[in-house]
Amino acid sequence: MKHIFEIAMGVITGARQKDYGKPEENFSDIAIGWTVIAKRALEKDGCITAVHVALMNDWQKTCRLLKTSAHEDSWVDKAGYTAIGYELAKDVKSDESDILRFDMLWQNLETESGKKHE
């Protein structure tokens, strides 16, 4: 396990930081977009669906590209998230089942905690 953490530390303090900037700045930028997406998702659909996750992942790649616009891997990932998001968005039944699963999960959490979440 220590070996994995050593590799991760080298990556996040080396190449990733060089490509994307300081984590606190990059993560703050990502949080801004994710907040907007989550807010709209909850207003429109009552939950975050798989389509919203595709949008969130795309936003993460956008924030990374703001630091290193020629980073090919991020462009490829963005294209992939866009294609997946589009395919998911075409399947309305998928979104409805996500909402039903979310409602059931929420009810279970309320039952287990004994509190009503608002």
C-alpha atoms as a PDB file:
ATOM      1  CA  MET A   1       0.000   0.000   0.000  1.00  0.00           C
ATOM      2  CA  LYS A   2       2.834   2.399   0.804  1.00  0.00           C
ATOM      3  CA  HIS A   3       4.211   1.868  -2.704  1.00  0.00           C
ATOM      4  CA  ILE A   4       0.895   2.995  -4.266  1.00  0.00           C
ATOM      5  CA  PHE A   5       0.808   6.126  -2.117  1.00  0.00           C
ATOM      6  CA  GLU A   6       4.387   6.966  -3.057  1.00  0.00           C
ATOM      7  CA  ILE A   7       3.520   6.682  -6.746  1.00  0.00           C
ATOM      8  CA  ALA A   8       0.399   8.813  -6.251  1.00  0.00           C
ATOM      9  CA  MET A   9       2.337  11.517  -4.397  1.00  0.00           C
ATOM     10  CA  GLY A  10       4.878  11.653  -7.198  1.00  0.00           C
ATOM     11  CA  VAL A  11       2.150  12.028  -9.803  1.00  0.00           C
ATOM     12  CA  ILE A  12       0.065  14.667  -8.015  1.00  0.00           C
ATOM     13  CA  THR A  13       3.038  16.786  -7.008  1.00  0.00           C
ATOM     14  CA  GLY A  14       4.828  16.342 -10.324  1.00  0.00           C
ATOM     15  CA  ALA A  15       3.238  15.836 -13.714  1.00  0.00           C
ATOM     16  CA  ARG A  16      -0.390  16.462 -12.681  1.00  0.00           C
ATOM     17  CA  GLN A  17       0.453  19.674 -10.880  1.00  0.00           C
ATOM     18  CA  LYS A  18       2.520  20.812 -13.845  1.00  0.00           C
ATOM     19  CA  ASP A  19      -0.322  20.044 -16.262  1.00  0.00           C
ATOM     20  CA  TYR A  20      -3.309  21.205 -14.200  1.00  0.00           C
ATOM     21  CA  GLY A  21      -1.955  23.604 -11.592  1.00  0.00           C
ATOM     22  CA  LYS A  22      -2.319  23.421  -7.842  1.00  0.00           C
ATOM     23  CA  PRO A  23      -4.989  20.943  -6.734  1.00  0.00           C
ATOM     24  CA  GLU A  24      -6.803  23.497  -4.574  1.00  0.00           C
ATOM     25  CA  GLU A  25      -7.243  25.859  -7.542  1.00  0.00           C
ATOM     26  CA  ASN A  26      -8.180  23.121 -10.011  1.00  0.00           C
ATOM     27  CA  PHE A  27     -10.609  21.472  -7.583  1.00  0.00           C
ATOM     28  CA  SER A  28     -12.196  24.860  -6.774  1.00  0.00           C
ATOM     29  CA  ASP A  29     -12.808  25.494 -10.476  1.00  0.00           C
ATOM     30  CA  ILE A  30     -14.290  22.017 -10.831  1.00  0.00           C
ATOM     31  CA  ALA A  31     -16.512  22.554  -7.776  1.00  0.00           C
ATOM     32  CA  ILE A  32     -18.013  25.708  -9.286  1.00  0.00           C
ATOM     33  CA  GLY A  33     -19.200  23.871 -12.405  1.00  0.00           C
ATOM     34  CA  TRP A  34     -20.321  20.779 -10.527  1.00  0.00           C
ATOM     35  CA  THR A  35     -22.388  22.968  -8.200  1.00  0.00           C
ATOM     36  CA  VAL A  36     -24.214  24.519 -11.165  1.00  0.00           C
ATOM     37  CA  ILE A  37     -24.808  21.109 -12.762  1.00  0.00           C
ATOM     38  CA  ALA A  38     -26.013  19.569  -9.480  1.00  0.00           C
ATOM     39  CA  LYS A  39     -28.325  22.505  -8.755  1.00  0.00           C
ATOM     40  CA  ARG A  40     -29.949  22.282 -12.179  1.00  0.00           C
ATOM     41  CA  ALA A  41     -30.151  18.475 -11.947  1.00  0.00           C
ATOM     42  CA  LEU A  42     -31.958  18.630  -8.626  1.00  0.00           C
ATOM     43  CA  GLU A  43     -34.319  21.352  -9.847  1.00  0.00           C
ATOM     44  CA  LYS A  44     -35.179  19.567 -13.085  1.00  0.00           C
ATOM     45  CA  ASP A  45     -34.893  15.861 -12.269  1.00  0.00           C
ATOM     46  CA  GLY A  46     -34.848  15.662  -8.484  1.00  0.00           C
ATOM     47  CA  CYS A  47     -31.490  13.892  -8.510  1.00  0.00           C
ATOM     48  CA  ILE A  48     -28.162  13.644 -10.282  1.00  0.00           C
ATOM     49  CA  THR A  49     -28.513  11.210 -13.170  1.00  0.00           C
ATOM     50  CA  ALA A  50     -25.929   9.441 -15.290  1.00  0.00           C
ATOM     51  CA  VAL A  51     -26.276  12.244 -17.854  1.00  0.00           C
ATOM     52  CA  HIS A  52     -25.300  14.773 -15.208  1.00  0.00           C
ATOM     53  CA  VAL A  53     -22.266  12.683 -14.297  1.00  0.00           C
ATOM     54  CA  ALA A  54     -21.163  12.818 -17.945  1.00  0.00           C
ATOM     55  CA  LEU A  55     -21.526  16.612 -17.840  1.00  0.00           C
ATOM     56  CA  MET A  56     -19.585  16.791 -14.578  1.00  0.00           C
ATOM     57  CA  ASN A  57     -16.753  14.668 -15.946  1.00  0.00           C
ATOM     58  CA  ASP A  58     -16.665  16.836 -19.067  1.00  0.00           C
ATOM     59  CA  TRP A  59     -16.442  19.951 -16.870  1.00  0.00           C
ATOM     60  CA  GLN A  60     -13.502  18.442 -14.968  1.00  0.00           C
ATOM     61  CA  LYS A  61     -11.664  17.950 -18.249  1.00  0.00           C
ATOM     62  CA  THR A  62     -12.573  21.499 -19.307  1.00  0.00           C
ATOM     63  CA  CYS A  63     -11.009  22.883 -16.125  1.00  0.00           C
ATOM     64  CA  ARG A  64      -7.885  20.871 -16.747  1.00  0.00           C
ATOM     65  CA  LEU A  65      -7.671  22.094 -20.332  1.00  0.00           C
ATOM     66  CA  LEU A  66      -7.820  25.696 -19.123  1.00  0.00           C
ATOM     67  CA  LYS A  67      -4.316  25.080 -17.737  1.00  0.00           C
ATOM     68  CA  THR A  68      -2.920  22.921 -20.551  1.00  0.00           C
ATOM     69  CA  SER A  69      -5.033  23.356 -23.671  1.00  0.00           C
ATOM     70  CA  ALA A  70      -2.944  21.013 -25.824  1.00  0.00           C
ATOM     71  CA  HIS A  71      -3.300  18.046 -23.446  1.00  0.00           C
ATOM     72  CA  GLU A  72      -4.545  15.439 -25.939  1.00  0.00           C
ATOM     73  CA  ASP A  73      -5.728  12.934 -23.327  1.00  0.00           C
ATOM     74  CA  SER A  74      -8.122  15.490 -21.821  1.00  0.00           C
ATOM     75  CA  TRP A  75      -9.575  16.278 -25.262  1.00  0.00           C
ATOM     76  CA  VAL A  76     -10.080  12.572 -25.913  1.00  0.00           C
ATOM     77  CA  ASP A  77     -11.762  12.146 -22.521  1.00  0.00           C
ATOM     78  CA  LYS A  78     -14.051  15.142 -23.186  1.00  0.00           C
ATOM     79  CA  ALA A  79     -15.115  13.621 -26.495  1.00  0.00           C
ATOM     80  CA  GLY A  80     -15.821  10.329 -24.760  1.00  0.00           C
ATOM     81  CA  TYR A  81     -17.898  11.952 -21.998  1.00  0.00           C
ATOM     82  CA  THR A  82     -19.835  13.911 -24.615  1.00  0.00           C
ATOM     83  CA  ALA A  83     -20.615  10.779 -26.626  1.00  0.00           C
ATOM     84  CA  ILE A  84     -21.628   8.806 -23.529  1.00  0.00           C
ATOM     85  CA  GLY A  85     -23.736  11.702 -22.218  1.00  0.00           C
ATOM     86  CA  TYR A  86     -25.552  12.013 -25.528  1.00  0.00           C
ATOM     87  CA  GLU A  87     -26.332   8.296 -25.656  1.00  0.00           C
ATOM     88  CA  LEU A  88     -27.588   8.359 -22.064  1.00  0.00           C
ATOM     89  CA  ALA A  89     -29.693  11.473 -22.699  1.00  0.00           C
ATOM     90  CA  LYS A  90     -31.452   9.762 -25.608  1.00  0.00           C
ATOM     91  CA  ASP A  91     -32.705   7.049 -23.247  1.00  0.00           C
ATOM     92  CA  VAL A  92     -35.371   8.847 -21.191  1.00  0.00           C
ATOM     93  CA  LYS A  93     -36.329   5.610 -19.437  1.00  0.00           C
ATOM     94  CA  SER A  94     -32.800   5.470 -18.005  1.00  0.00           C
ATOM     95  CA  ASP A  95     -33.290   8.883 -16.388  1.00  0.00           C
ATOM     96  CA  GLU A  96     -36.637   7.843 -14.942  1.00  0.00           C
ATOM     97  CA  SER A  97     -35.144   4.696 -13.404  1.00  0.00           C
ATOM     98  CA  ASP A  98     -32.306   6.774 -11.922  1.00  0.00           C
ATOM     99  CA  ILE A  99     -34.892   8.991 -10.218  1.00  0.00           C
ATOM    100  CA  LEU A 100     -36.784   5.981  -8.902  1.00  0.00           C
ATOM    101  CA  ARG A 101     -33.556   4.457  -7.563  1.00  0.00           C
ATOM    102  CA  PHE A 102     -32.671   7.775  -5.932  1.00  0.00           C
ATOM    103  CA  ASP A 103     -36.122   8.029  -4.308  1.00  0.00           C
ATOM    104  CA  MET A 104     -35.835   4.483  -2.959  1.00  0.00           C
ATOM    105  CA  LEU A 105     -32.310   5.160  -1.651  1.00  0.00           C
ATOM    106  CA  TRP A 106     -33.452   8.381  -0.007  1.00  0.00           C
ATOM    107  CA  GLN A 107     -36.395   6.625   1.663  1.00  0.00           C
ATOM    108  CA  ASN A 108     -34.047   3.936   2.984  1.00  0.00           C
ATOM    109  CA  LEU A 109     -31.710   6.582   4.393  1.00  0.00           C
ATOM    110  CA  GLU A 110     -34.630   8.336   6.075  1.00  0.00           C
ATOM    111  CA  THR A 111     -35.809   5.056   7.595  1.00  0.00           C
ATOM    112  CA  GLU A 112     -32.340   4.107   8.813  1.00  0.00           C
ATOM    113  CA  SER A 113     -31.531   7.514  10.277  1.00  0.00           C
ATOM    114  CA  GLY A 114     -34.967   8.100  11.735  1.00  0.00           C
ATOM    115  CA  LYS A 115     -34.846  11.646  10.385  1.00  0.00           C
ATOM    116  CA  LYS A 116     -36.438  13.361   7.430  1.00  0.00           C
ATOM    117  CA  HIS A 117     -33.828  14.811   5.053  1.00  0.00           C
ATOM    118  CA  GLU A 118     -34.778  18.041   3.369  1.00  0.00           C
END
